[in-house]
Structure formats: structure tokens, C-alpha cells
């Protein structure tokens, strides 16, 4: 049975408005508007994305080199 229980975030923890049964499986979704992400955190996300793109490109080049060597 699906139920909707509202709550708030306090000190980084989700606090439901009503008690939940012990061991209950939950799915957390932000209700309403999504909070604004600080600029420094956005910059860090972008840097991680660029690093991941470079790592993927290097892995693809290495894989192509191994395939060429196997021929």
C-alpha cells in the first residue's frame, strides 16, 4: 500500500510529520519547487562532469589500443 507522508528537512535529516513504522521502505521526493543550488556547488558538479568526460575518453582510447594490439 502506498501512502504519502509529508515532512521537512532539519539539520540534513528528513523528519516526517507523522510517525512511520519501523523498517518501512521510503522514497524521498522534493515537494514543490526545488531549492536553489549554490554557485560554488554547481561549479563543483561541472568540474566532476568534465573530469568524468576526460576519464571516459581516456578509457576509450586505451580500449582501442588494446583492440589494435590484439589484431
Protein backbone atom coordinates (compact mmCIF):
# COMPACT_ATOMS: atom_id res chain seq x y z
CA UNK A 1 0.00 0.00 0.00
CA UNK A 2 1.41 3.41 -0.99
CA UNK A 3 0.90 6.30 1.40
CA UNK A 4 2.05 9.90 1.26
CA UNK A 5 3.64 11.27 4.42
CA UNK A 6 4.82 14.87 4.36
CA UNK A 7 7.73 16.21 6.36
CA UNK A 8 10.61 18.66 6.43
CA UNK A 9 14.39 18.55 6.41
CA UNK A 10 16.04 19.59 9.68
CA UNK A 11 19.82 19.61 10.00
CA UNK A 12 20.11 17.45 6.89
CA UNK A 13 17.65 14.77 8.04
CA UNK A 14 14.13 14.08 6.80
CA UNK A 15 11.62 14.45 9.63
CA UNK A 16 8.14 13.11 8.78
CA UNK A 17 5.05 14.95 10.03
CA UNK A 18 3.66 11.66 11.36
CA UNK A 19 5.39 8.53 12.67
CA UNK A 20 6.48 5.82 10.22
CA UNK A 21 6.54 2.12 11.05
CA UNK A 22 9.99 0.72 11.86
CA UNK A 23 11.60 -0.83 8.77
CA UNK A 24 9.27 0.96 6.33
CA UNK A 25 10.69 1.39 2.82
CA UNK A 26 10.54 5.04 1.76
CA UNK A 27 11.13 7.16 -1.32
CA UNK A 28 12.05 10.80 -0.79
CA UNK A 29 10.97 13.39 -3.38
CA UNK A 30 11.21 17.14 -3.10
CA UNK A 31 7.75 18.67 -2.99
CA UNK A 32 7.06 21.94 -4.76
CA UNK A 33 9.98 23.92 -6.08
CA UNK A 34 13.49 22.58 -5.97
CA UNK A 35 15.77 24.62 -3.72
CA UNK A 36 18.41 26.74 -5.46
CA UNK A 37 21.86 25.14 -5.68
CA UNK A 38 24.70 27.45 -4.59
CA UNK A 39 27.04 28.60 -7.39
CA UNK A 40 30.13 27.01 -5.82
CA UNK A 41 28.39 23.63 -5.66
CA UNK A 42 27.23 23.95 -9.29
CA UNK A 43 30.84 24.69 -10.29
CA UNK A 44 31.99 21.57 -8.46
CA UNK A 45 29.35 19.45 -10.23
CA UNK A 46 30.50 20.82 -13.59
CA UNK A 47 34.16 20.08 -12.75
CA UNK A 48 33.29 16.49 -11.82
CA UNK A 49 31.37 16.16 -15.10
CA UNK A 50 34.38 17.41 -17.12
CA UNK A 51 36.69 15.04 -15.23
CA UNK A 52 34.33 12.13 -15.94
CA UNK A 53 34.24 13.05 -19.65
CA UNK A 54 38.06 13.05 -19.79
CA UNK A 55 38.29 9.75 -17.92
CA UNK A 56 35.80 8.15 -20.32
CA UNK A 57 37.73 9.43 -23.34
CA UNK A 58 40.99 8.04 -21.93
CA UNK A 59 39.35 4.67 -21.26
CA UNK A 60 38.02 4.55 -24.83
CA UNK A 61 41.47 5.35 -26.25
CA UNK A 62 43.01 2.63 -24.07
CA UNK A 63 40.39 0.11 -25.17
CA UNK A 64 41.03 0.95 -28.83
CA UNK A 65 44.76 0.49 -28.26
CA UNK A 66 44.19 -2.93 -26.72
CA UNK A 67 41.95 -3.95 -29.59
CA UNK A 68 44.59 -2.85 -32.13
CA UNK A 69 47.30 -4.77 -30.25
CA UNK A 70 45.17 -7.93 -30.22
CA UNK A 71 44.87 -7.90 -34.03
